Amino acid sequence: MQTVLKEKVNVDAVFRSFKSDSSTTRSGWEHKRIEPRYVKRKGGEVLKVKEVRRSYGQRKGKRLQIHFVIHCEDDRYFHLVYDADKIIWILLYEFDDQMLFDEKEINVEIQWDGLSRSKD
């Protein structure tokens, strides 16, 4: 089962600029040079990323969105999206378990006017 979240989050990530000789470093394509480490939700919850299960880039015209399937502590799985044009992160879904979502590519349209709004 999956839960739709569609929430903007802050993400601590490593951005790599060049290919590393390390066998543990995934490099090459632009989306493989980005590695999310922590996801910070508005409510204060911090998700520590144990593993990036899958990542893929998706073009929206000239824009690039990068999708990540992440495995966090407490065996929680999420679909996370980075929009390179808008420079924002969206936590899209939480999955109960890994299921078969590693093979699923999801088309996402991010609507954002550039202004931060508080729902408080």
PDB file of N, CA and C in Angstrom:
ATOM      1  N   MET A   1       0.836  -1.175   0.000  1.00  0.00           N
ATOM      2  CA  MET A   1       0.000   0.000   0.000  1.00  0.00           C
ATOM      3  C   MET A   1       0.885   1.243   0.000  1.00  0.00           C
ATOM      4  N   GLN A   2       0.401   2.313  -0.610  1.00  0.00           N
ATOM      5  CA  GLN A   2       1.158   3.556  -0.642  1.00  0.00           C
ATOM      6  C   GLN A   2       0.302   4.703  -0.115  1.00  0.00           C
ATOM      7  N   THR A   3       0.962   5.675   0.502  1.00  0.00           N
ATOM      8  CA  THR A   3       0.301   6.870   1.008  1.00  0.00           C
ATOM      9  C   THR A   3       0.819   8.058   0.222  1.00  0.00           C
ATOM     10  N   VAL A   4      -0.092   8.826  -0.375  1.00  0.00           N
ATOM     11  CA  VAL A   4       0.294  10.018  -1.123  1.00  0.00           C
ATOM     12  C   VAL A   4       0.613  11.127  -0.124  1.00  0.00           C
ATOM     13  N   LEU A   5       1.794  11.746  -0.261  1.00  0.00           N
ATOM     14  CA  LEU A   5       2.225  12.810   0.643  1.00  0.00           C
ATOM     15  C   LEU A   5       2.267  14.167  -0.057  1.00  0.00           C
ATOM     16  N   LYS A   6       2.946  14.250  -1.184  1.00  0.00           N
ATOM     17  CA  LYS A   6       3.104  15.479  -1.970  1.00  0.00           C
ATOM     18  C   LYS A   6       3.447  16.681  -1.092  1.00  0.00           C
ATOM     19  N   GLU A   7       4.493  16.543  -0.292  1.00  0.00           N
ATOM     20  CA  GLU A   7       4.881  17.643   0.591  1.00  0.00           C
ATOM     21  C   GLU A   7       6.295  18.117   0.286  1.00  0.00           C
ATOM     22  N   LYS A   8       6.475  19.434   0.347  1.00  0.00           N
ATOM     23  CA  LYS A   8       7.811  20.003   0.172  1.00  0.00           C
ATOM     24  C   LYS A   8       8.626  19.693   1.412  1.00  0.00           C
ATOM     25  N   VAL A   9       9.868  19.300   1.200  1.00  0.00           N
ATOM     26  CA  VAL A   9      10.754  18.941   2.308  1.00  0.00           C
ATOM     27  C   VAL A   9      12.126  19.562   2.078  1.00  0.00           C
ATOM     28  N   ASN A  10      12.894  19.641   3.140  1.00  0.00           N
ATOM     29  CA  ASN A  10      14.303  20.019   3.045  1.00  0.00           C
ATOM     30  C   ASN A  10      15.108  18.730   3.030  1.00  0.00           C
ATOM     31  N   VAL A  11      16.133  18.705   2.197  1.00  0.00           N
ATOM     32  CA  VAL A  11      16.941  17.501   2.052  1.00  0.00           C
ATOM     33  C   VAL A  11      18.413  17.866   2.166  1.00  0.00           C
ATOM     34  N   ASP A  12      19.132  17.131   3.001  1.00  0.00           N
ATOM     35  CA  ASP A  12      20.587  17.212   3.031  1.00  0.00           C
ATOM     36  C   ASP A  12      21.067  16.163   2.037  1.00  0.00           C
ATOM     37  N   ALA A  13      21.828  16.612   1.038  1.00  0.00           N
ATOM     38  CA  ALA A  13      22.278  15.693  -0.008  1.00  0.00           C
ATOM     39  C   ALA A  13      23.719  15.981  -0.373  1.00  0.00           C
ATOM     40  N   VAL A  14      24.367  14.982  -0.933  1.00  0.00           N
ATOM     41  CA  VAL A  14      25.714  15.125  -1.458  1.00  0.00           C
ATOM     42  C   VAL A  14      25.582  15.302  -2.963  1.00  0.00           C
ATOM     43  N   PHE A  15      26.222  16.345  -3.493  1.00  0.00           N
ATOM     44  CA  PHE A  15      26.263  16.595  -4.926  1.00  0.00           C
ATOM     45  C   PHE A  15      27.706  16.379  -5.381  1.00  0.00           C
ATOM     46  N   ARG A  16      27.899  15.480  -6.318  1.00  0.00           N
ATOM     47  CA  ARG A  16      29.250  15.174  -6.806  1.00  0.00           C
ATOM     48  C   ARG A  16      29.474  15.836  -8.159  1.00  0.00           C
ATOM     49  N   SER A  17      30.669  16.384  -8.365  1.00  0.00           N
ATOM     50  CA  SER A  17      30.993  17.071  -9.612  1.00  0.00           C
ATOM     51  C   SER A  17      31.853  16.244 -10.560  1.00  0.00           C
ATOM     52  N   PHE A  18      32.502  15.206 -10.054  1.00  0.00           N
ATOM     53  CA  PHE A  18      33.371  14.413 -10.908  1.00  0.00           C
ATOM     54  C   PHE A  18      33.307  12.950 -10.508  1.00  0.00           C
ATOM     55  N   LYS A  19      33.735  12.112 -11.425  1.00  0.00           N
ATOM     56  CA  LYS A  19      33.742  10.675 -11.190  1.00  0.00           C
ATOM     57  C   LYS A  19      34.775  10.325 -10.130  1.00  0.00           C
ATOM     58  N   SER A  20      34.380   9.496  -9.194  1.00  0.00           N
ATOM     59  CA  SER A  20      35.264   9.076  -8.121  1.00  0.00           C
ATOM     60  C   SER A  20      35.796   7.677  -8.423  1.00  0.00           C
ATOM     61  N   ASP A  21      36.973   7.379  -7.911  1.00  0.00           N
ATOM     62  CA  ASP A  21      37.546   6.046  -8.087  1.00  0.00           C
ATOM     63  C   ASP A  21      36.945   5.036  -7.111  1.00  0.00           C
ATOM     64  N   SER A  22      36.177   5.530  -6.146  1.00  0.00           N
ATOM     65  CA  SER A  22      35.589   4.660  -5.133  1.00  0.00           C
ATOM     66  C   SER A  22      34.494   3.796  -5.754  1.00  0.00           C
ATOM     67  N   SER A  23      34.504   2.524  -5.436  1.00  0.00           N
ATOM     68  CA  SER A  23      33.481   1.617  -5.968  1.00  0.00           C
ATOM     69  C   SER A  23      32.123   1.854  -5.313  1.00  0.00           C
ATOM     70  N   THR A  24      32.087   2.532  -4.167  1.00  0.00           N
ATOM     71  CA  THR A  24      30.815   2.792  -3.494  1.00  0.00           C
ATOM     72  C   THR A  24      30.144   4.061  -4.003  1.00  0.00           C
ATOM     73  N   THR A  25      30.853   4.862  -4.775  1.00  0.00           N
ATOM     74  CA  THR A  25      30.302   6.103  -5.288  1.00  0.00           C
ATOM     75  C   THR A  25      29.675   5.866  -6.652  1.00  0.00           C
ATOM     76  N   ARG A  26      28.393   6.157  -6.744  1.00  0.00           N
ATOM     77  CA  ARG A  26      27.706   6.051  -8.017  1.00  0.00           C
ATOM     78  C   ARG A  26      27.885   7.374  -8.738  1.00  0.00           C
ATOM     79  N   SER A  27      28.453   7.342  -9.920  1.00  0.00           N
ATOM     80  CA  SER A  27      28.636   8.578 -10.658  1.00  0.00           C
ATOM     81  C   SER A  27      28.414   8.321 -12.135  1.00  0.00           C
ATOM     82  N   GLY A  28      28.378   9.358 -12.892  1.00  0.00           N
ATOM     83  CA  GLY A  28      28.176   9.219 -14.325  1.00  0.00           C
ATOM     84  C   GLY A  28      27.072  10.139 -14.789  1.00  0.00           C
ATOM     85  N   TRP A  29      25.840   9.722 -14.619  1.00  0.00           N
ATOM     86  CA  TRP A  29      24.715  10.551 -15.004  1.00  0.00           C
ATOM     87  C   TRP A  29      24.437  11.579 -13.928  1.00  0.00           C
ATOM     88  N   GLU A  30      23.807  12.677 -14.320  1.00  0.00           N
ATOM     89  CA  GLU A  30      23.549  13.770 -13.376  1.00  0.00           C
ATOM     90  C   GLU A  30      22.769  13.288 -12.145  1.00  0.00           C
ATOM     91  N   HIS A  31      21.731  12.472 -12.362  1.00  0.00           N
ATOM     92  CA  HIS A  31      20.922  12.038 -11.231  1.00  0.00           C
ATOM     93  C   HIS A  31      21.661  11.054 -10.331  1.00  0.00           C
ATOM     94  N   LYS A  32      22.736  10.471 -10.815  1.00  0.00           N
ATOM     95  CA  LYS A  32      23.510   9.560  -9.976  1.00  0.00           C
ATOM     96  C   LYS A  32      24.591  10.310  -9.209  1.00  0.00           C
ATOM     97  N   ARG A  33      24.727  11.578  -9.475  1.00  0.00           N
ATOM     98  CA  ARG A  33      25.685  12.401  -8.741  1.00  0.00           C
ATOM     99  C   ARG A  33      25.057  13.027  -7.510  1.00  0.00           C
ATOM    100  N   ILE A  34      23.772  12.875  -7.361  1.00  0.00           N
ATOM    101  CA  ILE A  34      23.060  13.420  -6.204  1.00  0.00           C
ATOM    102  C   ILE A  34      22.681  12.264  -5.288  1.00  0.00           C
ATOM    103  N   GLU A  35      23.015  12.383  -4.018  1.00  0.00           N
ATOM    104  CA  GLU A  35      22.689  11.335  -3.057  1.00  0.00           C
ATOM    105  C   GLU A  35      22.045  11.952  -1.826  1.00  0.00           C
ATOM    106  N   PRO A  36      20.715  11.800  -1.673  1.00  0.00           N
ATOM    107  CA  PRO A  36      20.063  12.332  -0.468  1.00  0.00           C
ATOM    108  C   PRO A  36      20.515  11.569   0.767  1.00  0.00           C
ATOM    109  N   ARG A  37      20.730  12.304   1.860  1.00  0.00           N
ATOM    110  CA  ARG A  37      21.168  11.682   3.121  1.00  0.00           C
ATOM    111  C   ARG A  37      20.105  11.793   4.212  1.00  0.00           C
ATOM    112  N   TYR A  38      19.499  12.978   4.344  1.00  0.00           N
ATOM    113  CA  TYR A  38      18.464  13.217   5.356  1.00  0.00           C
ATOM    114  C   TYR A  38      17.324  13.985   4.724  1.00  0.00           C
ATOM    115  N   VAL A  39      16.098  13.646   5.120  1.00  0.00           N
ATOM    116  CA  VAL A  39      14.903  14.362   4.672  1.00  0.00           C
ATOM    117  C   VAL A  39      14.269  14.980   5.906  1.00  0.00           C
ATOM    118  N   LYS A  40      14.084  16.300   5.870  1.00  0.00           N
ATOM    119  CA  LYS A  40      13.503  17.012   7.011  1.00  0.00           C
ATOM    120  C   LYS A  40      12.105  17.479   6.646  1.00  0.00           C
ATOM    121  N   ARG A  41      11.121  16.961   7.391  1.00  0.00           N
ATOM    122  CA  ARG A  41       9.717  17.306   7.137  1.00  0.00           C
ATOM    123  C   ARG A  41       9.317  18.519   7.969  1.00  0.00           C
ATOM    124  N   LYS A  42       8.253  19.207   7.534  1.00  0.00           N
ATOM    125  CA  LYS A  42       7.808  20.436   8.207  1.00  0.00           C
ATOM    126  C   LYS A  42       7.447  20.208   9.667  1.00  0.00           C
ATOM    127  N   GLY A  43       6.915  19.053   9.971  1.00  0.00           N
ATOM    128  CA  GLY A  43       6.521  18.744  11.341  1.00  0.00           C
ATOM    129  C   GLY A  43       7.688  18.453  12.266  1.00  0.00           C
ATOM    130  N   GLY A  44       8.919  18.471  11.741  1.00  0.00           N
ATOM    131  CA  GLY A  44      10.091  18.230  12.569  1.00  0.00           C
ATOM    132  C   GLY A  44      10.687  16.844  12.426  1.00  0.00           C
ATOM    133  N   GLU A  45       9.972  15.928  11.800  1.00  0.00           N
ATOM    134  CA  GLU A  45      10.497  14.573  11.625  1.00  0.00           C
ATOM    135  C   GLU A  45      11.693  14.590  10.669  1.00  0.00           C
ATOM    136  N   VAL A  46      12.738  13.872  11.035  1.00  0.00           N
ATOM    137  CA  VAL A  46      13.922  13.747  10.187  1.00  0.00           C
ATOM    138  C   VAL A  46      14.059  12.276   9.800  1.00  0.00           C
ATOM    139  N   LEU A  47      14.105  12.026   8.499  1.00  0.00           N
ATOM    140  CA  LEU A  47      14.266  10.675   7.980  1.00  0.00           C
ATOM    141  C   LEU A  47      15.712  10.489   7.553  1.00  0.00           C
ATOM    142  N   LYS A  48      16.374   9.497   8.107  1.00  0.00           N
ATOM    143  CA  LYS A  48      17.758   9.201   7.721  1.00  0.00           C
ATOM    144  C   LYS A  48      17.734   8.156   6.608  1.00  0.00           C
ATOM    145  N   VAL A  49      18.341   8.507   5.471  1.00  0.00           N
ATOM    146  CA  VAL A  49      18.347   7.616   4.319  1.00  0.00           C
ATOM    147  C   VAL A  49      19.423   6.550   4.513  1.00  0.00           C
ATOM    148  N   LYS A  50      18.996   5.282   4.545  1.00  0.00           N
ATOM    149  CA  LYS A  50      19.939   4.165   4.648  1.00  0.00           C
ATOM    150  C   LYS A  50      20.473   3.795   3.277  1.00  0.00           C
ATOM    151  N   GLU A  51      19.590   3.879   2.248  1.00  0.00           N
ATOM    152  CA  GLU A  51      19.982   3.418   0.917  1.00  0.00           C
ATOM    153  C   GLU A  51      19.091   4.071  -0.136  1.00  0.00           C
ATOM    154  N   VAL A  52      19.701   4.446  -1.259  1.00  0.00           N
ATOM    155  CA  VAL A  52      18.928   4.866  -2.434  1.00  0.00           C
ATOM    156  C   VAL A  52      18.712   3.603  -3.256  1.00  0.00           C
ATOM    157  N   ARG A  53      17.464   3.140  -3.300  1.00  0.00           N
ATOM    158  CA  ARG A  53      17.152   1.885  -3.983  1.00  0.00           C
ATOM    159  C   ARG A  53      17.142   2.046  -5.498  1.00  0.00           C
ATOM    160  N   ARG A  54      16.725   3.231  -5.947  1.00  0.00           N
ATOM    161  CA  ARG A  54      16.631   3.478  -7.387  1.00  0.00           C
ATOM    162  C   ARG A  54      16.619   4.971  -7.598  1.00  0.00           C
ATOM    163  N   SER A  55      17.202   5.428  -8.713  1.00  0.00           N
ATOM    164  CA  SER A  55      17.098   6.828  -9.092  1.00  0.00           C
ATOM    165  C   SER A  55      17.031   6.904 -10.611  1.00  0.00           C
ATOM    166  N   TYR A  56      16.282   7.872 -11.095  1.00  0.00           N
ATOM    167  CA  TYR A  56      16.188   8.076 -12.536  1.00  0.00           C
ATOM    168  C   TYR A  56      15.805   9.521 -12.818  1.00  0.00           C
ATOM    169  N   GLY A  57      16.283  10.030 -13.930  1.00  0.00           N
ATOM    170  CA  GLY A  57      15.955  11.376 -14.360  1.00  0.00           C
ATOM    171  C   GLY A  57      14.763  11.344 -15.292  1.00  0.00           C
ATOM    172  N   GLN A  58      13.989  12.427 -15.262  1.00  0.00           N
ATOM    173  CA  GLN A  58      12.815  12.533 -16.130  1.00  0.00           C
ATOM    174  C   GLN A  58      12.742  13.967 -16.648  1.00  0.00           C
ATOM    175  N   ARG A  59      12.679  14.126 -17.947  1.00  0.00           N
ATOM    176  CA  ARG A  59      12.589  15.450 -18.559  1.00  0.00           C
ATOM    177  C   ARG A  59      11.137  15.908 -18.634  1.00  0.00           C
ATOM    178  N   LYS A  60      10.925  17.184 -18.306  1.00  0.00           N
ATOM    179  CA  LYS A  60       9.632  17.856 -18.458  1.00  0.00           C
ATOM    180  C   LYS A  60       9.915  19.069 -19.328  1.00  0.00           C
ATOM    181  N   GLY A  61       9.895  18.899 -20.653  1.00  0.00           N
ATOM    182  CA  GLY A  61      10.331  19.962 -21.541  1.00  0.00           C
ATOM    183  C   GLY A  61      11.824  20.134 -21.361  1.00  0.00           C
ATOM    184  N   LYS A  62      12.248  21.333 -20.985  1.00  0.00           N
ATOM    185  CA  LYS A  62      13.669  21.591 -20.731  1.00  0.00           C
ATOM    186  C   LYS A  62      14.047  21.352 -19.276  1.00  0.00           C
ATOM    187  N   ARG A  63      13.039  21.133 -18.426  1.00  0.00           N
ATOM    188  CA  ARG A  63      13.303  20.905 -17.001  1.00  0.00           C
ATOM    189  C   ARG A  63      13.696  19.454 -16.748  1.00  0.00           C
ATOM    190  N   LEU A  64      14.438  19.255 -15.662  1.00  0.00           N
ATOM    191  CA  LEU A  64      14.832  17.916 -15.252  1.00  0.00           C
ATOM    192  C   LEU A  64      14.327  17.647 -13.842  1.00  0.00           C
ATOM    193  N   GLN A  65      13.612  16.551 -13.694  1.00  0.00           N
ATOM    194  CA  GLN A  65      13.217  16.067 -12.371  1.00  0.00           C
ATOM    195  C   GLN A  65      13.974  14.777 -12.114  1.00  0.00           C
ATOM    196  N   ILE A  66      14.462  14.635 -10.890  1.00  0.00           N
ATOM    197  CA  ILE A  66      15.204  13.443 -10.531  1.00  0.00           C
ATOM    198  C   ILE A  66      14.434  12.721  -9.429  1.00  0.00           C
ATOM    199  N   HIS A  67      14.112  11.471  -9.685  1.00  0.00           N
ATOM    200  CA  HIS A  67      13.299  10.663  -8.786  1.00  0.00           C
ATOM    201  C   HIS A  67      14.196   9.699  -8.021  1.00  0.00           C
ATOM    202  N   PHE A  68      13.888   9.534  -6.745  1.00  0.00           N
ATOM    203  CA  PHE A  68      14.627   8.620  -5.876  1.00  0.00           C
ATOM    204  C   PHE A  68      13.638   7.739  -5.134  1.00  0.00           C
ATOM    205  N   VAL A  69      13.920   6.464  -5.081  1.00  0.00           N
ATOM    206  CA  VAL A  69      13.221   5.553  -4.183  1.00  0.00           C
ATOM    207  C   VAL A  69      14.208   5.312  -3.053  1.00  0.00           C
ATOM    208  N   ILE A  70      13.842   5.761  -1.849  1.00  0.00           N
ATOM    209  CA  ILE A  70      14.777   5.693  -0.726  1.00  0.00           C
ATOM    210  C   ILE A  70      14.267   4.749   0.352  1.00  0.00           C
ATOM    211  N   HIS A  71      15.215   4.081   0.973  1.00  0.00           N
ATOM    212  CA  HIS A  71      14.939   3.193   2.111  1.00  0.00           C
ATOM    213  C   HIS A  71      15.505   3.900   3.333  1.00  0.00           C
ATOM    214  N   CYS A  72      14.640   4.229   4.278  1.00  0.00           N
ATOM    215  CA  CYS A  72      15.050   4.961   5.474  1.00  0.00           C
ATOM    216  C   CYS A  72      15.099   4.029   6.677  1.00  0.00           C
ATOM    217  N   GLU A  73      15.577   4.577   7.783  1.00  0.00           N
ATOM    218  CA  GLU A  73      15.591   3.800   9.021  1.00  0.00           C
ATOM    219  C   GLU A  73      14.166   3.365   9.364  1.00  0.00           C
ATOM    220  N   ASP A  74      14.036   2.391  10.188  1.00  0.00           N
ATOM    221  CA  ASP A  74      12.745   1.800  10.569  1.00  0.00           C
ATOM    222  C   ASP A  74      12.063   1.129   9.383  1.00  0.00           C
ATOM    223  N   ASP A  75      12.850   0.734   8.371  1.00  0.00           N
ATOM    224  CA  ASP A  75      12.329   0.061   7.172  1.00  0.00           C
ATOM    225  C   ASP A  75      11.169   0.807   6.526  1.00  0.00           C
ATOM    226  N   ARG A  76      11.319   2.096   6.376  1.00  0.00           N
ATOM    227  CA  ARG A  76      10.328   2.926   5.686  1.00  0.00           C
ATOM    228  C   ARG A  76      10.866   3.239   4.291  1.00  0.00           C
ATOM    229  N   TYR A  77       9.963   3.237   3.296  1.00  0.00           N
ATOM    230  CA  TYR A  77      10.321   3.485   1.905  1.00  0.00           C
ATOM    231  C   TYR A  77       9.551   4.702   1.393  1.00  0.00           C
ATOM    232  N   PHE A  78      10.252   5.560   0.641  1.00  0.00           N
ATOM    233  CA  PHE A  78       9.645   6.784   0.129  1.00  0.00           C
ATOM    234  C   PHE A  78      10.046   7.017  -1.320  1.00  0.00           C
ATOM    235  N   HIS A  79       9.187   7.748  -2.022  1.00  0.00           N
ATOM    236  CA  HIS A  79       9.502   8.252  -3.363  1.00  0.00           C
ATOM    237  C   HIS A  79       9.751   9.745  -3.185  1.00  0.00           C
ATOM    238  N   LEU A  80      10.965  10.181  -3.508  1.00  0.00           N
ATOM    239  CA  LEU A  80      11.418  11.554  -3.329  1.00  0.00           C
ATOM    240  C   LEU A  80      11.768  12.122  -4.692  1.00  0.00           C
ATOM    241  N   VAL A  81      11.390  13.388  -4.956  1.00  0.00           N
ATOM    242  CA  VAL A  81      11.654  14.019  -6.252  1.00  0.00           C
ATOM    243  C   VAL A  81      12.394  15.329  -6.045  1.00  0.00           C
ATOM    244  N   TYR A  82      13.451  15.522  -6.846  1.00  0.00           N
ATOM    245  CA  TYR A  82      14.176  16.799  -6.888  1.00  0.00           C
ATOM    246  C   TYR A  82      13.889  17.447  -8.225  1.00  0.00           C
ATOM    247  N   ASP A  83      13.358  18.675  -8.204  1.00  0.00           N
ATOM    248  CA  ASP A  83      13.125  19.440  -9.424  1.00  0.00           C
ATOM    249  C   ASP A  83      14.300  20.396  -9.600  1.00  0.00           C
ATOM    250  N   ALA A  84      15.158  20.119 -10.586  1.00  0.00           N
ATOM    251  CA  ALA A  84      16.384  20.887 -10.786  1.00  0.00           C
ATOM    252  C   ALA A  84      16.101  22.315 -11.236  1.00  0.00           C
ATOM    253  N   ASP A  85      14.994  22.549 -11.934  1.00  0.00           N
ATOM    254  CA  ASP A  85      14.655  23.889 -12.400  1.00  0.00           C
ATOM    255  C   ASP A  85      14.151  24.763 -11.253  1.00  0.00           C
ATOM    256  N   LYS A  86      13.261  24.208 -10.439  1.00  0.00           N
ATOM    257  CA  LYS A  86      12.675  24.964  -9.323  1.00  0.00           C
ATOM    258  C   LYS A  86      13.496  24.866  -8.047  1.00  0.00           C
ATOM    259  N   ILE A  87      14.476  23.969  -8.044  1.00  0.00           N
ATOM    260  CA  ILE A  87      15.365  23.721  -6.916  1.00  0.00           C
ATOM    261  C   ILE A  87      14.558  23.434  -5.640  1.00  0.00           C
ATOM    262  N   ILE A  88      13.641  22.482  -5.758  1.00  0.00           N
ATOM    263  CA  ILE A  88      12.853  22.052  -4.597  1.00  0.00           C
ATOM    264  C   ILE A  88      12.807  20.527  -4.550  1.00  0.00           C
ATOM    265  N   TRP A  89      12.579  20.016  -3.347  1.00  0.00           N
ATOM    266  CA  TRP A  89      12.416  18.581  -3.104  1.00  0.00           C
ATOM    267  C   TRP A  89      10.969  18.327  -2.698  1.00  0.00           C
ATOM    268  N   ILE A  90      10.388  17.259  -3.229  1.00  0.00           N
ATOM    269  CA  ILE A  90       9.019  16.854  -2.900  1.00  0.00           C
ATOM    270  C   ILE A  90       9.047  15.410  -2.426  1.00  0.00           C
ATOM    271  N   LEU A  91       8.473  15.169  -1.253  1.00  0.00           N
ATOM    272  CA  LEU A  91       8.284  13.805  -0.763  1.00  0.00           C
ATOM    273  C   LEU A  91       6.920  13.371  -1.286  1.00  0.00           C
ATOM    274  N   LEU A  92       6.930  12.476  -2.260  1.00  0.00           N
ATOM    275  CA  LEU A  92       5.714  12.143  -2.989  1.00  0.00           C
ATOM    276  C   LEU A  92       4.874  11.049  -2.345  1.00  0.00           C
ATOM    277  N   TYR A  93       5.504   9.918  -2.044  1.00  0.00           N
ATOM    278  CA  TYR A  93       4.784   8.760  -1.506  1.00  0.00           C
ATOM    279  C   TYR A  93       5.572   8.118  -0.375  1.00  0.00           C
ATOM    280  N   GLU A  94       4.840   7.475   0.520  1.00  0.00           N
ATOM    281  CA  GLU A  94       5.445   6.525   1.457  1.00  0.00           C
ATOM    282  C   GLU A  94       4.841   5.168   1.148  1.00  0.00           C
ATOM    283  N   PHE A  95       5.688   4.139   1.112  1.00  0.00           N
ATOM    284  CA  PHE A  95       5.252   2.783   0.832  1.00  0.00           C
ATOM    285  C   PHE A  95       5.352   1.955   2.094  1.00  0.00           C
ATOM    286  N   ASP A  96       4.399   1.042   2.267  1.00  0.00           N
ATOM    287  CA  ASP A  96       4.435   0.147   3.426  1.00  0.00           C
ATOM    288  C   ASP A  96       5.627  -0.795   3.376  1.00  0.00           C
ATOM    289  N   ASP A  97       5.960  -1.248   2.201  1.00  0.00           N
ATOM    290  CA  ASP A  97       7.136  -2.100   2.022  1.00  0.00           C
ATOM    291  C   ASP A  97       7.682  -1.849   0.627  1.00  0.00           C
ATOM    292  N   GLN A  98       8.707  -2.553   0.259  1.00  0.00           N
ATOM    293  CA  GLN A  98       9.371  -2.282  -1.010  1.00  0.00           C
ATOM    294  C   GLN A  98       8.473  -2.545  -2.209  1.00  0.00           C
ATOM    295  N   MET A  99       7.592  -3.512  -2.116  1.00  0.00           N
ATOM    296  CA  MET A  99       6.685  -3.890  -3.207  1.00  0.00           C
ATOM    297  C   MET A  99       7.466  -4.019  -4.517  1.00  0.00           C
ATOM    298  N   LEU A 100       6.865  -3.609  -5.613  1.00  0.00           N
ATOM    299  CA  LEU A 100       7.538  -3.667  -6.912  1.00  0.00           C
ATOM    300  C   LEU A 100       7.762  -2.262  -7.465  1.00  0.00           C
ATOM    301  N   PHE A 101       7.773  -1.258  -6.607  1.00  0.00           N
ATOM    302  CA  PHE A 101       7.857   0.113  -7.104  1.00  0.00           C
ATOM    303  C   PHE A 101       9.223   0.464  -7.682  1.00  0.00           C
ATOM    304  N   ASP A 102      10.241  -0.383  -7.510  1.00  0.00           N
ATOM    305  CA  ASP A 102      11.550  -0.101  -8.088  1.00  0.00           C
ATOM    306  C   ASP A 102      11.475   0.016  -9.611  1.00  0.00           C
ATOM    307  N   GLU A 103      10.529  -0.645 -10.228  1.00  0.00           N
ATOM    308  CA  GLU A 103      10.408  -0.626 -11.687  1.00  0.00           C
ATOM    309  C   GLU A 103       9.421   0.429 -12.176  1.00  0.00           C
ATOM    310  N   LYS A 104       8.752   1.116 -11.283  1.00  0.00           N
ATOM    311  CA  LYS A 104       7.690   2.035 -11.658  1.00  0.00           C
ATOM    312  C   LYS A 104       8.237   3.451 -11.828  1.00  0.00           C
ATOM    313  N   GLU A 105       8.031   4.043 -12.995  1.00  0.00           N
ATOM    314  CA  GLU A 105       8.376   5.437 -13.215  1.00  0.00           C
ATOM    315  C   GLU A 105       7.085   6.229 -13.134  1.00  0.00           C
ATOM    316  N   ILE A 106       7.094   7.281 -12.350  1.00  0.00           N
ATOM    317  CA  ILE A 106       5.881   8.057 -12.104  1.00  0.00           C
ATOM    318  C   ILE A 106       6.031   9.436 -12.714  1.00  0.00           C
ATOM    319  N   ASN A 107       5.041   9.845 -13.484  1.00  0.00           N
ATOM    320  CA  ASN A 107       5.024  11.160 -14.097  1.00  0.00           C
ATOM    321  C   ASN A 107       4.514  12.163 -13.068  1.00  0.00           C
ATOM    322  N   VAL A 108       5.303  13.200 -12.779  1.00  0.00           N
ATOM    323  CA  VAL A 108       4.972  14.148 -11.724  1.00  0.00           C
ATOM    324  C   VAL A 108       4.933  15.557 -12.292  1.00  0.00           C
ATOM    325  N   GLU A 109       3.901  16.297 -11.974  1.00  0.00           N
ATOM    326  CA  GLU A 109       3.824  17.713 -12.344  1.00  0.00           C
ATOM    327  C   GLU A 109       3.860  18.518 -11.058  1.00  0.00           C
ATOM    328  N   ILE A 110       4.900  19.327 -10.883  1.00  0.00           N
ATOM    329  CA  ILE A 110       5.048  20.126  -9.674  1.00  0.00           C
ATOM    330  C   ILE A 110       4.540  21.526  -9.950  1.00  0.00           C
ATOM    331  N   GLN A 111       3.537  21.958  -9.210  1.00  0.00           N
ATOM    332  CA  GLN A 111       2.976  23.305  -9.314  1.00  0.00           C
ATOM    333  C   GLN A 111       3.492  24.113  -8.142  1.00  0.00           C
ATOM    334  N   TRP A 112       4.281  25.127  -8.425  1.00  0.00           N
ATOM    335  CA  TRP A 112       4.853  25.947  -7.368  1.00  0.00           C
ATOM    336  C   TRP A 112       5.103  27.326  -7.918  1.00  0.00           C
ATOM    337  N   ASP A 113       4.670  28.369  -7.208  1.00  0.00           N
ATOM    338  CA  ASP A 113       4.800  29.743  -7.710  1.00  0.00           C
ATOM    339  C   ASP A 113       6.031  30.446  -7.183  1.00  0.00           C
ATOM    340  N   GLY A 114       6.884  29.736  -6.437  1.00  0.00           N
ATOM    341  CA  GLY A 114       8.114  30.332  -5.940  1.00  0.00           C
ATOM    342  C   GLY A 114       7.984  30.995  -4.575  1.00  0.00           C
ATOM    343  N   LEU A 115       6.805  31.009  -4.017  1.00  0.00           N
ATOM    344  CA  LEU A 115       6.582  31.637  -2.716  1.00  0.00           C
ATOM    345  C   LEU A 115       6.376  30.580  -1.657  1.00  0.00           C
ATOM    346  N   SER A 116       6.961  30.784  -0.505  1.00  0.00           N
ATOM    347  CA  SER A 116       6.759  29.866   0.612  1.00  0.00           C
ATOM    348  C   SER A 116       5.530  30.326   1.376  1.00  0.00           C
ATOM    349  N   ARG A 117       4.658  29.409   1.661  1.00  0.00           N
ATOM    350  CA  ARG A 117       3.458  29.736   2.437  1.00  0.00           C
ATOM    351  C   ARG A 117       3.369  28.800   3.623  1.00  0.00           C
ATOM    352  N   SER A 118       2.988  29.351   4.743  1.00  0.00           N
ATOM    353  CA  SER A 118       2.786  28.537   5.939  1.00  0.00           C
ATOM    354  C   SER A 118       1.306  28.245   6.077  1.00  0.00           C
ATOM    355  N   LYS A 119       0.963  27.017   6.409  1.00  0.00           N
ATOM    356  CA  LYS A 119      -0.426  26.631   6.610  1.00  0.00           C
ATOM    357  C   LYS A 119      -0.872  26.826   8.032  1.00  0.00           C
ATOM    358  N   ASP A 120      -0.020  27.469   8.855  1.00  0.00           N
ATOM    359  CA  ASP A 120      -0.350  27.671  10.291  1.00  0.00           C
ATOM    360  C   ASP A 120      -1.405  28.722  10.448  1.00  0.00           C
TER     361      ASP A 120
END
